[in-house]
Amino acid sequence: MAQQGYEHSTAFEKLKTVKEKIQTNYTSLQYLQTLNHFLWRALAPIATECPELFKGYLCKIVARQTLKASAKFTSNDRHKLPIQLFNTLRAADDKMIEHAKDMHVNRGLLLGFIAFFLNRLAPYKAMHEKAHDSVLINSRCWAIERGVGLREHGELYQAIKDVEYWYAYARKWKDQIIEKYTRMALLQAQATYKDYNYAVKLDDIVQIYLVVVSRAIDRCDSRHGVITTFMQSWFKSAKSEVAKLAEGHQDSSYEGLIEEHGDAVHDLLGTVMPDQSSEMWQHVAYISMRADPVGLVRTALHIPQFVSTKHQRLLREFVCE
């Protein structure tokens, strides 16, 4: 007999029957190293054929993190990211990818960049594959090549095919990792549904927990622990989202809030806590810059560079380009 207030969830029932395609229990290192391998094999052709596009995206990531205190786009110390970016930008072409890997950028950002690259070049691929040739098509292809910063004598079409091939493997492997943790997410979602007296639809709670599973995989660094432990800490964030929905948004589904607020829904629900230490570091950086304008002592003590309002405006202009 169903519990009072408990509503049936079609999504929950379907997800319970999902069969894991990965039958072997690999270690966190094996899961994530394999995903990283596919990701960087997909990114390598972009970095090789369109180096300025690749470097520009990394610059935007660092600029965005510098401007937003709560953002953390790397599993390393966030204050090391600008230095690692500098090393990447100054590296020789054949060493750039290795330096970029050292940045340990959030996998979700890397997947997003690959998707952006393929979507932007979809018209180019279609025109390139047409059987007939024309001056107009060649002109349009040349304009696209110039727009993405194709290197001299570069092979953009071949790069697109290589990126598609490895991107498909990366997406498939990530989906299979998600399958390994779907049952754990469903059990947590069901428990949370009961904890908040069924105030939020189970379908919405399941969606929140599965989104968190995906985010945790994007951000997990096997150097700092196993996926399961890392994911359990992220489930606290999911429960916080449900709590906010239960308290102040009983009449709005999670999907409704997504449609209304987009990505800002997570800020609305209060799940991203500001990095209070960043304000302290900014103050220390400012005082240190006044006392040591040359920067010899600050460099020795690993004190970050203070970014003035004027320089922040320049960064914002760069990010918005």
C-alpha atoms as a PDB file:
ATOM      1  CA  MET A   1       0.000   0.000   0.000  1.00  0.00           C
ATOM      2  CA  ALA A   2       1.400   3.400  -0.985  1.00  0.00           C
ATOM      3  CA  GLN A   3       2.362   5.769   1.792  1.00  0.00           C
ATOM      4  CA  GLN A   4       0.068   8.770   2.351  1.00  0.00           C
ATOM      5  CA  GLY A   5       1.216  11.661   0.208  1.00  0.00           C
ATOM      6  CA  TYR A   6       3.625   9.530  -1.788  1.00  0.00           C
ATOM      7  CA  GLU A   7       3.142  10.022  -5.531  1.00  0.00           C
ATOM      8  CA  HIS A   8       4.260   7.564  -8.171  1.00  0.00           C
ATOM      9  CA  SER A   9       7.181   8.707 -10.324  1.00  0.00           C
ATOM     10  CA  THR A  10       7.484   7.309 -13.833  1.00  0.00           C
ATOM     11  CA  ALA A  11      11.042   8.610 -14.169  1.00  0.00           C
ATOM     12  CA  PHE A  12      12.052   6.939 -10.910  1.00  0.00           C
ATOM     13  CA  GLU A  13      10.615   3.584 -12.004  1.00  0.00           C
ATOM     14  CA  LYS A  14      12.291   3.730 -15.423  1.00  0.00           C
ATOM     15  CA  LEU A  15      15.667   4.705 -14.012  1.00  0.00           C
ATOM     16  CA  LYS A  16      15.529   1.830 -11.513  1.00  0.00           C
ATOM     17  CA  THR A  17      15.577  -0.596 -14.433  1.00  0.00           C
ATOM     18  CA  VAL A  18      18.601   0.967 -16.146  1.00  0.00           C
ATOM     19  CA  LYS A  19      21.278  -1.675 -16.667  1.00  0.00           C
ATOM     20  CA  GLU A  20      24.871  -0.665 -16.207  1.00  0.00           C
ATOM     21  CA  LYS A  21      26.901  -1.149 -19.376  1.00  0.00           C
ATOM     22  CA  ILE A  22      30.137  -1.235 -17.361  1.00  0.00           C
ATOM     23  CA  GLN A  23      29.939  -4.525 -15.496  1.00  0.00           C
ATOM     24  CA  THR A  24      33.430  -4.325 -13.986  1.00  0.00           C
ATOM     25  CA  ASN A  25      34.000  -2.184 -10.904  1.00  0.00           C
ATOM     26  CA  TYR A  26      36.946  -0.019 -11.863  1.00  0.00           C
ATOM     27  CA  THR A  27      38.740   2.374  -9.534  1.00  0.00           C
ATOM     28  CA  SER A  28      38.035   6.108  -9.550  1.00  0.00           C
ATOM     29  CA  LEU A  29      41.431   6.638 -11.159  1.00  0.00           C
ATOM     30  CA  GLN A  30      40.562   4.250 -13.999  1.00  0.00           C
ATOM     31  CA  TYR A  31      37.148   5.846 -14.614  1.00  0.00           C
ATOM     32  CA  LEU A  32      38.469   9.398 -14.659  1.00  0.00           C
ATOM     33  CA  GLN A  33      41.728   8.740 -16.487  1.00  0.00           C
ATOM     34  CA  THR A  34      39.779   7.055 -19.284  1.00  0.00           C
ATOM     35  CA  LEU A  35      37.369   9.990 -19.484  1.00  0.00           C
ATOM     36  CA  ASN A  36      40.301  12.425 -19.499  1.00  0.00           C
ATOM     37  CA  HIS A  37      41.966  10.417 -22.261  1.00  0.00           C
ATOM     38  CA  PHE A  38      38.922  10.695 -24.527  1.00  0.00           C
ATOM     39  CA  LEU A  39      38.452  14.390 -23.689  1.00  0.00           C
ATOM     40  CA  TRP A  40      42.013  15.391 -24.497  1.00  0.00           C
ATOM     41  CA  ARG A  41      42.089  13.296 -27.650  1.00  0.00           C
ATOM     42  CA  ALA A  42      39.057  15.359 -28.748  1.00  0.00           C
ATOM     43  CA  LEU A  43      40.666  18.653 -27.693  1.00  0.00           C
ATOM     44  CA  ALA A  44      44.053  17.977 -29.292  1.00  0.00           C
ATOM     45  CA  PRO A  45      42.930  18.609 -32.916  1.00  0.00           C
ATOM     46  CA  ILE A  46      41.347  21.915 -31.867  1.00  0.00           C
ATOM     47  CA  ALA A  47      44.504  23.032 -30.084  1.00  0.00           C
ATOM     48  CA  THR A  48      46.642  21.970 -33.056  1.00  0.00           C
ATOM     49  CA  GLU A  49      44.591  23.395 -35.919  1.00  0.00           C
ATOM     50  CA  CYS A  50      42.943  26.360 -34.143  1.00  0.00           C
ATOM     51  CA  PRO A  51      45.425  27.264 -31.365  1.00  0.00           C
ATOM     52  CA  GLU A  52      44.132  30.816 -30.867  1.00  0.00           C
ATOM     53  CA  LEU A  53      40.564  29.582 -30.372  1.00  0.00           C
ATOM     54  CA  PHE A  54      41.769  27.061 -27.800  1.00  0.00           C
ATOM     55  CA  LYS A  55      43.937  29.586 -25.942  1.00  0.00           C
ATOM     56  CA  GLY A  56      41.180  32.179 -26.040  1.00  0.00           C
ATOM     57  CA  TYR A  57      38.743  29.799 -24.339  1.00  0.00           C
ATOM     58  CA  LEU A  58      41.223  29.046 -21.554  1.00  0.00           C
ATOM     59  CA  CYS A  59      41.742  32.783 -21.075  1.00  0.00           C
ATOM     60  CA  LYS A  60      37.999  33.318 -20.734  1.00  0.00           C
ATOM     61  CA  ILE A  61      37.823  30.609 -18.060  1.00  0.00           C
ATOM     62  CA  VAL A  62      40.571  32.228 -15.995  1.00  0.00           C
ATOM     63  CA  ALA A  63      39.103  35.705 -16.477  1.00  0.00           C
ATOM     64  CA  ARG A  64      35.658  34.508 -15.378  1.00  0.00           C
ATOM     65  CA  GLN A  65      37.038  32.845 -12.263  1.00  0.00           C
ATOM     66  CA  THR A  66      38.992  36.003 -11.422  1.00  0.00           C
ATOM     67  CA  LEU A  67      35.833  38.116 -11.627  1.00  0.00           C
ATOM     68  CA  LYS A  68      33.512  35.738  -9.771  1.00  0.00           C
ATOM     69  CA  ALA A  69      34.590  34.863  -6.245  1.00  0.00           C
ATOM     70  CA  SER A  70      32.331  31.801  -5.983  1.00  0.00           C
ATOM     71  CA  ALA A  71      33.588  30.246  -9.239  1.00  0.00           C
ATOM     72  CA  LYS A  72      36.101  27.418  -9.087  1.00  0.00           C
ATOM     73  CA  PHE A  73      36.850  26.041 -12.511  1.00  0.00           C
ATOM     74  CA  THR A  74      39.803  23.862 -11.524  1.00  0.00           C
ATOM     75  CA  SER A  75      40.389  21.040  -9.047  1.00  0.00           C
ATOM     76  CA  ASN A  76      43.735  22.666  -8.212  1.00  0.00           C
ATOM     77  CA  ASP A  77      44.201  25.697  -5.998  1.00  0.00           C
ATOM     78  CA  ARG A  78      42.201  28.384  -7.801  1.00  0.00           C
ATOM     79  CA  HIS A  79      45.004  30.909  -7.317  1.00  0.00           C
ATOM     80  CA  LYS A  80      47.392  28.760  -9.370  1.00  0.00           C
ATOM     81  CA  LEU A  81      45.188  28.865 -12.460  1.00  0.00           C
ATOM     82  CA  PRO A  82      46.547  32.176 -13.885  1.00  0.00           C
ATOM     83  CA  ILE A  83      50.131  30.902 -13.566  1.00  0.00           C
ATOM     84  CA  GLN A  84      49.235  27.637 -15.282  1.00  0.00           C
ATOM     85  CA  LEU A  85      47.461  29.606 -18.017  1.00  0.00           C
ATOM     86  CA  PHE A  86      50.608  31.668 -18.559  1.00  0.00           C
ATOM     87  CA  ASN A  87      52.655  28.476 -18.896  1.00  0.00           C
ATOM     88  CA  THR A  88      50.160  27.160 -21.441  1.00  0.00           C
ATOM     89  CA  LEU A  89      50.174  30.337 -23.516  1.00  0.00           C
ATOM     90  CA  ARG A  90      53.972  30.496 -23.560  1.00  0.00           C
ATOM     91  CA  ALA A  91      54.512  26.815 -24.311  1.00  0.00           C
ATOM     92  CA  ALA A  92      55.673  25.533 -27.682  1.00  0.00           C
ATOM     93  CA  ASP A  93      52.891  24.192 -29.899  1.00  0.00           C
ATOM     94  CA  ASP A  94      53.812  20.562 -29.208  1.00  0.00           C
ATOM     95  CA  LYS A  95      53.842  21.168 -25.435  1.00  0.00           C
ATOM     96  CA  MET A  96      50.705  23.299 -25.124  1.00  0.00           C
ATOM     97  CA  ILE A  97      48.307  20.399 -24.509  1.00  0.00           C
ATOM     98  CA  GLU A  98      50.445  18.997 -21.682  1.00  0.00           C
ATOM     99  CA  HIS A  99      50.494  22.377 -19.934  1.00  0.00           C
ATOM    100  CA  ALA A 100      46.744  22.757 -20.478  1.00  0.00           C
ATOM    101  CA  LYS A 101      46.170  19.374 -18.811  1.00  0.00           C
ATOM    102  CA  ASP A 102      48.028  20.655 -15.743  1.00  0.00           C
ATOM    103  CA  MET A 103      45.316  23.292 -15.305  1.00  0.00           C
ATOM    104  CA  HIS A 104      42.845  20.501 -14.334  1.00  0.00           C
ATOM    105  CA  VAL A 105      39.911  22.452 -15.748  1.00  0.00           C
ATOM    106  CA  ASN A 106      36.396  21.265 -14.926  1.00  0.00           C
ATOM    107  CA  ARG A 107      35.486  18.515 -17.430  1.00  0.00           C
ATOM    108  CA  GLY A 108      32.080  20.088 -17.976  1.00  0.00           C
ATOM    109  CA  LEU A 109      33.761  23.212 -19.351  1.00  0.00           C
ATOM    110  CA  LEU A 110      35.907  21.104 -21.657  1.00  0.00           C
ATOM    111  CA  LEU A 111      32.905  19.140 -22.918  1.00  0.00           C
ATOM    112  CA  GLY A 112      31.066  22.418 -23.460  1.00  0.00           C
ATOM    113  CA  PHE A 113      33.950  23.824 -25.492  1.00  0.00           C
ATOM    114  CA  ILE A 114      34.069  20.748 -27.706  1.00  0.00           C
ATOM    115  CA  ALA A 115      30.307  20.966 -28.275  1.00  0.00           C
ATOM    116  CA  PHE A 116      30.667  24.675 -29.104  1.00  0.00           C
ATOM    117  CA  PHE A 117      33.413  23.899 -31.619  1.00  0.00           C
ATOM    118  CA  LEU A 118      31.362  21.224 -33.382  1.00  0.00           C
ATOM    119  CA  ASN A 119      28.166  23.307 -33.422  1.00  0.00           C
ATOM    120  CA  ARG A 120      29.978  26.335 -34.801  1.00  0.00           C
ATOM    121  CA  LEU A 121      31.588  24.281 -37.555  1.00  0.00           C
ATOM    122  CA  ALA A 122      28.514  22.238 -38.493  1.00  0.00           C
ATOM    123  CA  PRO A 123      27.814  24.500 -41.545  1.00  0.00           C
ATOM    124  CA  TYR A 124      31.468  24.199 -42.588  1.00  0.00           C
ATOM    125  CA  LYS A 125      31.303  20.422 -42.438  1.00  0.00           C
ATOM    126  CA  ALA A 126      28.061  20.377 -44.442  1.00  0.00           C
ATOM    127  CA  MET A 127      29.488  22.651 -47.158  1.00  0.00           C
ATOM    128  CA  HIS A 128      32.728  20.706 -47.267  1.00  0.00           C
ATOM    129  CA  GLU A 129      30.875  17.441 -47.856  1.00  0.00           C
ATOM    130  CA  LYS A 130      28.820  18.741 -50.785  1.00  0.00           C
ATOM    131  CA  ALA A 131      29.668  16.981 -54.007  1.00  0.00           C
ATOM    132  CA  HIS A 132      29.857  20.119 -56.151  1.00  0.00           C
ATOM    133  CA  ASP A 133      32.314  22.946 -55.817  1.00  0.00           C
ATOM    134  CA  SER A 134      31.602  26.647 -56.123  1.00  0.00           C
ATOM    135  CA  VAL A 135      33.252  29.988 -55.499  1.00  0.00           C
ATOM    136  CA  LEU A 136      30.527  30.913 -53.003  1.00  0.00           C
ATOM    137  CA  ILE A 137      31.005  27.759 -50.922  1.00  0.00           C
ATOM    138  CA  ASN A 138      34.770  28.175 -50.978  1.00  0.00           C
ATOM    139  CA  SER A 139      34.385  31.779 -49.873  1.00  0.00           C
ATOM    140  CA  ARG A 140      32.123  30.810 -46.987  1.00  0.00           C
ATOM    141  CA  CYS A 141      34.456  28.018 -45.921  1.00  0.00           C
ATOM    142  CA  TRP A 142      37.388  30.419 -45.972  1.00  0.00           C
ATOM    143  CA  ALA A 143      35.453  32.908 -43.817  1.00  0.00           C
ATOM    144  CA  ILE A 144      34.685  30.205 -41.241  1.00  0.00           C
ATOM    145  CA  GLU A 145      38.303  29.042 -41.219  1.00  0.00           C
ATOM    146  CA  ARG A 146      39.410  32.591 -40.564  1.00  0.00           C
ATOM    147  CA  GLY A 147      36.772  33.002 -37.859  1.00  0.00           C
ATOM    148  CA  VAL A 148      38.081  30.034 -35.838  1.00  0.00           C
ATOM    149  CA  GLY A 149      41.722  30.983 -36.350  1.00  0.00           C
ATOM    150  CA  LEU A 150      42.759  28.022 -38.483  1.00  0.00           C
ATOM    151  CA  ARG A 151      46.552  27.861 -38.673  1.00  0.00           C
ATOM    152  CA  GLU A 152      48.298  28.281 -41.999  1.00  0.00           C
ATOM    153  CA  HIS A 153      47.930  25.136 -44.136  1.00  0.00           C
ATOM    154  CA  GLY A 154      45.712  23.651 -41.432  1.00  0.00           C
ATOM    155  CA  GLU A 155      43.257  20.782 -42.022  1.00  0.00           C
ATOM    156  CA  LEU A 156      40.014  21.912 -40.429  1.00  0.00           C
ATOM    157  CA  TYR A 157      37.730  19.244 -41.904  1.00  0.00           C
ATOM    158  CA  GLN A 158      39.978  16.438 -40.681  1.00  0.00           C
ATOM    159  CA  ALA A 159      40.113  18.112 -37.259  1.00  0.00           C
ATOM    160  CA  ILE A 160      36.302  18.156 -37.123  1.00  0.00           C
ATOM    161  CA  LYS A 161      36.127  14.442 -37.914  1.00  0.00           C
ATOM    162  CA  ASP A 162      38.743  13.623 -35.258  1.00  0.00           C
ATOM    163  CA  VAL A 163      36.971  15.754 -32.657  1.00  0.00           C
ATOM    164  CA  GLU A 164      33.613  14.112 -33.426  1.00  0.00           C
ATOM    165  CA  TYR A 165      35.129  10.650 -33.086  1.00  0.00           C
ATOM    166  CA  TRP A 166      36.698  11.181 -29.673  1.00  0.00           C
ATOM    167  CA  TYR A 167      33.873  13.400 -28.372  1.00  0.00           C
ATOM    168  CA  ALA A 168      31.430  10.550 -28.981  1.00  0.00           C
ATOM    169  CA  TYR A 169      33.638   8.245 -26.905  1.00  0.00           C
ATOM    170  CA  ALA A 170      33.916  10.846 -24.122  1.00  0.00           C
ATOM    171  CA  ARG A 171      30.142  11.370 -23.946  1.00  0.00           C
ATOM    172  CA  LYS A 172      29.449   7.634 -24.049  1.00  0.00           C
ATOM    173  CA  TRP A 173      31.971   6.891 -21.300  1.00  0.00           C
ATOM    174  CA  LYS A 174      30.647   9.664 -19.062  1.00  0.00           C
ATOM    175  CA  ASP A 175      27.085   8.375 -19.549  1.00  0.00           C
ATOM    176  CA  GLN A 176      28.261   4.930 -18.493  1.00  0.00           C
ATOM    177  CA  ILE A 177      29.916   6.347 -15.363  1.00  0.00           C
ATOM    178  CA  ILE A 178      26.640   8.109 -14.540  1.00  0.00           C
ATOM    179  CA  GLU A 179      24.857   4.749 -14.869  1.00  0.00           C
ATOM    180  CA  LYS A 180      27.155   3.316 -12.182  1.00  0.00           C
ATOM    181  CA  TYR A 181      25.919   5.950  -9.717  1.00  0.00           C
ATOM    182  CA  THR A 182      22.287   6.249 -10.822  1.00  0.00           C
ATOM    183  CA  ARG A 183      20.959   3.745  -8.271  1.00  0.00           C
ATOM    184  CA  MET A 184      22.790   5.512  -5.441  1.00  0.00           C
ATOM    185  CA  ALA A 185      21.333   8.832  -6.608  1.00  0.00           C
ATOM    186  CA  LEU A 186      17.814   7.350  -6.767  1.00  0.00           C
ATOM    187  CA  LEU A 187      18.023   6.008  -3.222  1.00  0.00           C
ATOM    188  CA  GLN A 188      19.221   9.397  -1.980  1.00  0.00           C
ATOM    189  CA  ALA A 189      16.458  11.161  -3.935  1.00  0.00           C
ATOM    190  CA  GLN A 190      13.780   8.862  -2.495  1.00  0.00           C
ATOM    191  CA  ALA A 191      15.059   9.416   1.050  1.00  0.00           C
ATOM    192  CA  THR A 192      15.041  13.183   0.525  1.00  0.00           C
ATOM    193  CA  TYR A 193      11.508  12.986  -0.901  1.00  0.00           C
ATOM    194  CA  LYS A 194      10.356  11.401   2.370  1.00  0.00           C
ATOM    195  CA  ASP A 195      12.428  13.744   4.548  1.00  0.00           C
ATOM    196  CA  TYR A 196      10.563  16.766   3.160  1.00  0.00           C
ATOM    197  CA  ASN A 197       7.124  15.145   3.437  1.00  0.00           C
ATOM    198  CA  TYR A 198       6.609  14.843  -0.320  1.00  0.00           C
ATOM    199  CA  ALA A 199       6.464  18.645  -0.696  1.00  0.00           C
ATOM    200  CA  VAL A 200       8.569  18.479  -3.867  1.00  0.00           C
ATOM    201  CA  LYS A 201       7.747  16.119  -6.731  1.00  0.00           C
ATOM    202  CA  LEU A 202       9.896  13.013  -6.812  1.00  0.00           C
ATOM    203  CA  ASP A 203      10.514  13.580 -10.540  1.00  0.00           C
ATOM    204  CA  ASP A 204      12.061  16.972  -9.725  1.00  0.00           C
ATOM    205  CA  ILE A 205      14.184  15.551  -6.907  1.00  0.00           C
ATOM    206  CA  VAL A 206      15.468  12.747  -9.142  1.00  0.00           C
ATOM    207  CA  GLN A 207      16.394  15.315 -11.793  1.00  0.00           C
ATOM    208  CA  ILE A 208      18.295  17.403  -9.230  1.00  0.00           C
ATOM    209  CA  TYR A 209      20.260  14.403  -7.974  1.00  0.00           C
ATOM    210  CA  LEU A 210      21.163  13.204 -11.472  1.00  0.00           C
ATOM    211  CA  VAL A 211      22.367  16.688 -12.412  1.00  0.00           C
ATOM    212  CA  VAL A 212      24.536  16.630  -9.289  1.00  0.00           C
ATOM    213  CA  VAL A 213      25.948  13.224 -10.282  1.00  0.00           C
ATOM    214  CA  SER A 214      26.998  14.687 -13.629  1.00  0.00           C
ATOM    215  CA  ARG A 215      28.555  17.735 -11.972  1.00  0.00           C
ATOM    216  CA  ALA A 216      30.432  15.616  -9.470  1.00  0.00           C
ATOM    217  CA  ILE A 217      31.959  13.532 -12.269  1.00  0.00           C
ATOM    218  CA  ASP A 218      32.986  16.746 -14.054  1.00  0.00           C
ATOM    219  CA  ARG A 219      34.739  18.063 -10.954  1.00  0.00           C
ATOM    220  CA  CYS A 220      36.101  14.950  -9.252  1.00  0.00           C
ATOM    221  CA  ASP A 221      39.889  14.666  -9.079  1.00  0.00           C
ATOM    222  CA  SER A 222      41.121  11.159  -8.277  1.00  0.00           C
ATOM    223  CA  ARG A 223      44.212  12.701  -6.648  1.00  0.00           C
ATOM    224  CA  HIS A 224      41.962  13.960  -3.841  1.00  0.00           C
ATOM    225  CA  GLY A 225      39.790  10.906  -3.215  1.00  0.00           C
ATOM    226  CA  VAL A 226      37.353   8.411  -4.713  1.00  0.00           C
ATOM    227  CA  ILE A 227      34.269   9.322  -6.746  1.00  0.00           C
ATOM    228  CA  THR A 228      31.787   7.790  -4.286  1.00  0.00           C
ATOM    229  CA  THR A 229      32.974   9.872  -1.339  1.00  0.00           C
ATOM    230  CA  PHE A 230      33.166  13.008  -3.480  1.00  0.00           C
ATOM    231  CA  MET A 231      29.664  12.409  -4.824  1.00  0.00           C
ATOM    232  CA  GLN A 232      28.190  11.913  -1.375  1.00  0.00           C
ATOM    233  CA  SER A 233      29.417  15.347  -0.390  1.00  0.00           C
ATOM    234  CA  TRP A 234      27.743  16.750  -3.500  1.00  0.00           C
ATOM    235  CA  PHE A 235      24.480  15.063  -2.531  1.00  0.00           C
ATOM    236  CA  LYS A 236      24.353  17.516   0.381  1.00  0.00           C
ATOM    237  CA  SER A 237      24.132  20.267  -2.215  1.00  0.00           C
ATOM    238  CA  ALA A 238      21.291  18.413  -3.933  1.00  0.00           C
ATOM    239  CA  LYS A 239      19.421  18.096  -0.647  1.00  0.00           C
ATOM    240  CA  SER A 240      19.919  21.820  -0.068  1.00  0.00           C
ATOM    241  CA  GLU A 241      18.281  22.541  -3.434  1.00  0.00           C
ATOM    242  CA  VAL A 242      15.323  20.360  -2.492  1.00  0.00           C
ATOM    243  CA  ALA A 243      15.044  22.126   0.878  1.00  0.00           C
ATOM    244  CA  LYS A 244      14.834  25.500  -0.842  1.00  0.00           C
ATOM    245  CA  LEU A 245      12.201  24.194  -3.224  1.00  0.00           C
ATOM    246  CA  ALA A 246      10.200  22.777  -0.306  1.00  0.00           C
ATOM    247  CA  GLU A 247      10.404  25.996   1.718  1.00  0.00           C
ATOM    248  CA  GLY A 248       9.808  28.711  -0.815  1.00  0.00           C
ATOM    249  CA  HIS A 249       8.822  27.233  -4.153  1.00  0.00           C
ATOM    250  CA  GLN A 250       6.180  24.652  -3.437  1.00  0.00           C
ATOM    251  CA  ASP A 251       4.123  25.813  -6.406  1.00  0.00           C
ATOM    252  CA  SER A 252       7.033  25.658  -8.858  1.00  0.00           C
ATOM    253  CA  SER A 253       8.543  22.497 -10.242  1.00  0.00           C
ATOM    254  CA  TYR A 254      12.276  22.241 -10.773  1.00  0.00           C
ATOM    255  CA  GLU A 255      11.732  22.222 -14.554  1.00  0.00           C
ATOM    256  CA  GLY A 256       9.560  25.349 -14.236  1.00  0.00           C
ATOM    257  CA  LEU A 257      12.292  27.151 -12.319  1.00  0.00           C
ATOM    258  CA  ILE A 258      14.870  26.110 -14.931  1.00  0.00           C
ATOM    259  CA  GLU A 259      12.671  27.565 -17.692  1.00  0.00           C
ATOM    260  CA  GLU A 260      12.134  30.781 -15.738  1.00  0.00           C
ATOM    261  CA  HIS A 261      15.633  31.380 -14.384  1.00  0.00           C
ATOM    262  CA  GLY A 262      17.961  29.256 -16.527  1.00  0.00           C
ATOM    263  CA  ASP A 263      21.387  28.574 -15.023  1.00  0.00           C
ATOM    264  CA  ALA A 264      20.712  31.195 -12.348  1.00  0.00           C
ATOM    265  CA  VAL A 265      18.323  28.783 -10.614  1.00  0.00           C
ATOM    266  CA  HIS A 266      21.218  27.310  -8.613  1.00  0.00           C
ATOM    267  CA  ASP A 267      22.080  30.739  -7.236  1.00  0.00           C
ATOM    268  CA  LEU A 268      18.382  31.291  -6.566  1.00  0.00           C
ATOM    269  CA  LEU A 269      18.207  28.078  -4.561  1.00  0.00           C
ATOM    270  CA  GLY A 270      21.282  29.021  -2.605  1.00  0.00           C
ATOM    271  CA  THR A 271      23.371  25.975  -3.419  1.00  0.00           C
ATOM    272  CA  VAL A 272      26.540  27.835  -4.432  1.00  0.00           C
ATOM    273  CA  MET A 273      28.124  29.345  -1.364  1.00  0.00           C
ATOM    274  CA  PRO A 274      30.456  32.313  -1.865  1.00  0.00           C
ATOM    275  CA  ASP A 275      34.129  31.713  -1.322  1.00  0.00           C
ATOM    276  CA  GLN A 276      34.717  33.908   1.721  1.00  0.00           C
ATOM    277  CA  SER A 277      38.434  33.260   1.646  1.00  0.00           C
ATOM    278  CA  SER A 278      38.632  35.059  -1.696  1.00  0.00           C
ATOM    279  CA  GLU A 279      37.744  38.394  -0.081  1.00  0.00           C
ATOM    280  CA  MET A 280      40.471  37.888   2.494  1.00  0.00           C
ATOM    281  CA  TRP A 281      42.991  37.057  -0.235  1.00  0.00           C
ATOM    282  CA  GLN A 282      42.009  40.157  -2.202  1.00  0.00           C
ATOM    283  CA  HIS A 283      42.619  42.295   0.868  1.00  0.00           C
ATOM    284  CA  VAL A 284      45.979  40.645   1.541  1.00  0.00           C
ATOM    285  CA  ALA A 285      46.922  41.017  -2.136  1.00  0.00           C
ATOM    286  CA  TYR A 286      46.023  44.712  -2.136  1.00  0.00           C
ATOM    287  CA  ILE A 287      47.969  45.501   1.037  1.00  0.00           C
ATOM    288  CA  SER A 288      50.931  43.457  -0.170  1.00  0.00           C
ATOM    289  CA  MET A 289      50.966  45.234  -3.528  1.00  0.00           C
ATOM    290  CA  ARG A 290      51.075  48.614  -1.744  1.00  0.00           C
ATOM    291  CA  ALA A 291      53.965  47.467   0.444  1.00  0.00           C
ATOM    292  CA  ASP A 292      55.829  45.587  -2.320  1.00  0.00           C
ATOM    293  CA  PRO A 293      54.982  47.126  -5.726  1.00  0.00           C
ATOM    294  CA  VAL A 294      57.842  45.330  -7.505  1.00  0.00           C
ATOM    295  CA  GLY A 295      56.544  41.956  -6.324  1.00  0.00           C
ATOM    296  CA  LEU A 296      59.734  40.205  -5.224  1.00  0.00           C
ATOM    297  CA  VAL A 297      58.470  39.422  -1.731  1.00  0.00           C
ATOM    298  CA  ARG A 298      54.950  38.635  -2.949  1.00  0.00           C
ATOM    299  CA  THR A 299      56.313  36.126  -5.461  1.00  0.00           C
ATOM    300  CA  ALA A 300      58.436  34.438  -2.808  1.00  0.00           C
ATOM    301  CA  LEU A 301      55.434  34.176  -0.470  1.00  0.00           C
ATOM    302  CA  HIS A 302      53.035  33.082  -3.269  1.00  0.00           C
ATOM    303  CA  ILE A 303      50.742  36.054  -2.684  1.00  0.00           C
ATOM    304  CA  PRO A 304      48.448  36.547  -5.726  1.00  0.00           C
ATOM    305  CA  GLN A 305      48.344  39.726  -7.787  1.00  0.00           C
ATOM    306  CA  PHE A 306      45.662  42.242  -6.808  1.00  0.00           C
ATOM    307  CA  VAL A 307      43.309  42.973  -9.747  1.00  0.00           C
ATOM    308  CA  SER A 308      42.152  46.588  -9.761  1.00  0.00           C
ATOM    309  CA  THR A 309      38.699  47.731 -10.904  1.00  0.00           C
ATOM    310  CA  LYS A 310      40.252  49.094 -14.092  1.00  0.00           C
ATOM    311  CA  HIS A 311      41.816  45.737 -14.922  1.00  0.00           C
ATOM    312  CA  GLN A 312      38.607  43.947 -13.998  1.00  0.00           C
ATOM    313  CA  ARG A 313      36.787  46.048 -16.614  1.00  0.00           C
ATOM    314  CA  LEU A 314      39.334  44.951 -19.196  1.00  0.00           C
ATOM    315  CA  LEU A 315      38.784  41.324 -18.222  1.00  0.00           C
ATOM    316  CA  ARG A 316      35.013  41.745 -18.488  1.00  0.00           C
ATOM    317  CA  GLU A 317      35.374  43.207 -21.974  1.00  0.00           C
ATOM    318  CA  PHE A 318      37.526  40.220 -22.907  1.00  0.00           C
ATOM    319  CA  VAL A 319      35.036  37.702 -21.491  1.00  0.00           C
ATOM    320  CA  CYS A 320      32.121  39.330 -23.312  1.00  0.00           C
ATOM    321  CA  GLU A 321      33.815  39.328 -26.714  1.00  0.00           C
END
